Amino acid sequence: MILGFCGKVYYSGLYGNYVVAIVTEDEVTTIQLKKAVVKELKSLRRYPRETYNETISNLIRLAKESRVRRQYDEFLHMVQQAKMRELWDNAEDEAWEHA
C-alpha cells in the first residue's frame, strides 16, 4: 500500500493495480480492471489529471444521452414511415405504375 497525493491509496497485488480514493462525501468502492481497460480509460481522459471516477462518469453520461437520442431517432423514423406510406401508397401512383 502506498499513500499518494489527493488522499488516494494505491495497491499493487497479484491480480492487478487498485486505486481507492478516500472521500468523505460518498462511499467509495474498489473495482478490478484489466490493464488493457485501464490503458483505454487513460486514453479517454479529457485532461491528464482527470480521475477514473470522472472518466467513467463521463462515459455513463454519454451512454445515457446516446440512448435518449436513439429513442428520438426511432420515434422520428416511425412517424416518417407512416407519412411516407400515406404519400406513396395511393391509387394515383398505382395507376401510373401500370400505364
Foldseek 3Di string as FASTA:
>chain_A
DDQDPQQWDWDQDDQGIWIWHDDDPDDTDIDDDDPVVVVVLCVQDPDNPDDSVNSVVVVVVVVVVVVVVVVVVVVVVVVVVVVVCVVQVDDVNVVVVVD
